[in-house]
Amino acid sequence: MTSVEEMIEQYVAAWNGKELEEFKTDFAKCWAHDATYTDPNYNGITGVNGLAELAYGSLEIIPVRAFYILTSPDYHHNVGRYTWKVVLPEETKEGFDYFEFNDNNQITRLVSFFGPLNPYKEK
């Protein structure tokens, strides 16, 4: 990848794949071989194959969906964040990802959060 923006564009676009091999090919372009993925439902997903299997499995549950980037990546010192949305048949959901990346602009760790942040309530 030539830039962090391109890396994130590739990553989000890869989630729109339709076949297991397509997921593997597309994630391999932006995902380090030993990278890890975590979200509220999954922990310990490792490598391109693990991520591709997760994406393909989720496609079996929700076959009609489309992922999009909402905000450009904000990053420094090989860490960053951005927001995304997924369009589902009955609704649209938003979330954000925290990511770490190497000097080749490949994701080495990604932690995904679903929904907006809760406002702070003073005690």
Protein backbone atom coordinates (compact mmCIF):
# COMPACT_ATOMS: atom_id res chain seq x y z
CA MET A 1 0.00 0.00 0.00
CA THR A 2 1.26 3.44 -0.83
CA SER A 3 -0.62 5.30 1.91
CA VAL A 4 -2.63 4.78 5.07
CA GLU A 5 -5.72 6.10 3.27
CA GLU A 6 -5.30 3.49 0.52
CA MET A 7 -4.76 0.77 3.14
CA ILE A 8 -8.05 1.61 4.89
CA GLU A 9 -9.91 1.95 1.57
CA GLN A 10 -8.70 -1.52 0.59
CA TYR A 11 -9.60 -2.98 3.98
CA VAL A 12 -13.17 -1.64 4.00
CA ALA A 13 -13.72 -2.54 0.32
CA ALA A 14 -12.54 -6.09 1.06
CA TRP A 15 -15.50 -6.56 3.42
CA ASN A 16 -17.77 -6.19 0.38
CA GLY A 17 -16.48 -9.41 -1.19
CA LYS A 18 -18.70 -12.36 -2.04
CA GLU A 19 -16.46 -15.46 -2.03
CA LEU A 20 -13.90 -16.84 0.43
CA GLU A 21 -11.02 -16.64 -2.06
CA GLU A 22 -11.99 -13.06 -2.95
CA PHE A 23 -11.84 -12.13 0.75
CA LYS A 24 -8.41 -13.77 1.07
CA THR A 25 -7.03 -11.97 -1.99
CA ASP A 26 -8.41 -8.57 -1.04
CA PHE A 27 -7.46 -8.68 2.65
CA ALA A 28 -3.93 -9.87 1.76
CA LYS A 29 -3.33 -6.52 0.05
CA CYS A 30 -3.67 -4.54 3.30
CA TRP A 31 -3.41 -7.06 6.17
CA ALA A 32 -0.10 -8.24 7.65
CA HIS A 33 0.27 -12.03 7.79
CA ASP A 34 0.09 -12.13 11.60
CA ALA A 35 -2.36 -9.23 12.12
CA THR A 36 -5.16 -9.56 14.66
CA TYR A 37 -8.82 -8.55 14.57
CA THR A 38 -11.10 -7.94 17.56
CA ASP A 39 -14.68 -6.70 17.81
CA PRO A 40 -17.37 -7.00 20.50
CA ASN A 41 -18.24 -10.50 19.28
CA TYR A 42 -14.85 -11.92 18.24
CA ASN A 43 -11.36 -11.97 19.73
CA GLY A 44 -8.21 -13.65 18.54
CA ILE A 45 -8.91 -13.61 14.80
CA THR A 46 -5.43 -13.83 13.29
CA GLY A 47 -4.00 -13.56 9.79
CA VAL A 48 -5.54 -13.19 6.37
CA ASN A 49 -7.20 -16.61 6.46
CA GLY A 50 -8.79 -15.98 9.86
CA LEU A 51 -10.16 -12.60 8.79
CA ALA A 52 -11.37 -13.94 5.44
CA GLU A 53 -13.20 -16.80 7.17
CA LEU A 54 -14.83 -14.33 9.58
CA ALA A 55 -15.96 -12.08 6.71
CA TYR A 56 -17.28 -15.03 4.71
CA GLY A 57 -19.09 -16.42 7.74
CA SER A 58 -20.74 -13.08 8.41
CA LEU A 59 -21.81 -12.92 4.77
CA GLU A 60 -23.63 -16.23 5.23
CA ILE A 61 -25.59 -14.66 8.11
CA ILE A 62 -26.26 -11.32 6.35
CA PRO A 63 -25.89 -11.91 2.59
CA VAL A 64 -26.91 -8.40 1.54
CA ARG A 65 -24.73 -5.68 3.01
CA ALA A 66 -22.32 -2.95 1.96
CA PHE A 67 -19.53 -1.32 3.98
CA TYR A 68 -18.39 2.30 3.48
CA ILE A 69 -15.87 4.69 5.03
CA LEU A 70 -17.46 7.69 6.77
CA THR A 71 -14.35 9.60 7.84
CA SER A 72 -10.80 9.64 6.55
CA PRO A 73 -8.26 7.90 8.74
CA ASP A 74 -6.78 9.99 11.53
CA TYR A 75 -3.35 8.54 12.34
CA HIS A 76 0.11 9.09 13.81
CA HIS A 77 3.00 6.90 14.98
CA ASN A 78 1.61 3.79 13.24
CA VAL A 79 -1.79 3.95 14.98
CA GLY A 80 -5.06 5.40 13.76
CA ARG A 81 -8.82 5.49 13.70
CA TYR A 82 -11.67 6.08 11.26
CA THR A 83 -15.44 5.64 11.16
CA TRP A 84 -17.46 3.41 8.87
CA LYS A 85 -21.02 2.35 8.16
CA VAL A 86 -22.65 -0.83 6.98
CA VAL A 87 -25.89 -0.71 4.99
CA LEU A 88 -28.11 -3.68 5.83
CA PRO A 89 -31.52 -4.59 4.40
CA GLU A 90 -33.47 -3.07 7.32
CA GLU A 91 -31.05 -0.49 8.70
CA THR A 92 -27.71 1.28 8.53
CA LYS A 93 -25.22 0.90 11.38
CA GLU A 94 -22.11 2.91 12.14
CA GLY A 95 -18.95 2.16 14.03
CA PHE A 96 -15.30 3.01 14.29
CA ASP A 97 -12.05 1.13 14.11
CA TYR A 98 -8.80 1.62 15.97
CA PHE A 99 -5.90 0.23 13.96
CA GLU A 100 -2.15 -0.26 14.11
CA PHE A 101 -0.03 -0.61 11.00
CA ASN A 102 3.54 -1.36 9.95
CA ASP A 103 5.94 0.65 7.80
CA ASN A 104 4.58 -1.11 4.68
CA ASN A 105 1.12 0.33 5.40
CA GLN A 106 -0.32 -3.06 6.30
CA ILE A 107 -2.72 -3.41 9.22
CA THR A 108 -1.14 -5.31 12.12
CA ARG A 109 -3.99 -4.95 14.61
CA LEU A 110 -7.55 -3.74 14.25
CA VAL A 111 -10.16 -3.30 16.98
CA SER A 112 -13.67 -2.57 15.76
CA PHE A 113 -16.40 -0.86 17.77
CA PHE A 114 -20.08 -0.90 16.85
CA GLY A 115 -22.30 2.13 17.32
CA PRO A 116 -21.50 5.67 18.41
CA LEU A 117 -19.62 6.57 21.56
CA ASN A 118 -21.76 7.23 24.62
CA PRO A 119 -21.74 10.82 25.88
CA TYR A 120 -19.92 11.39 29.12
CA LYS A 121 -22.18 11.80 32.14
CA GLU A 122 -20.77 13.67 35.09
CA LYS A 123 -21.32 12.04 38.46
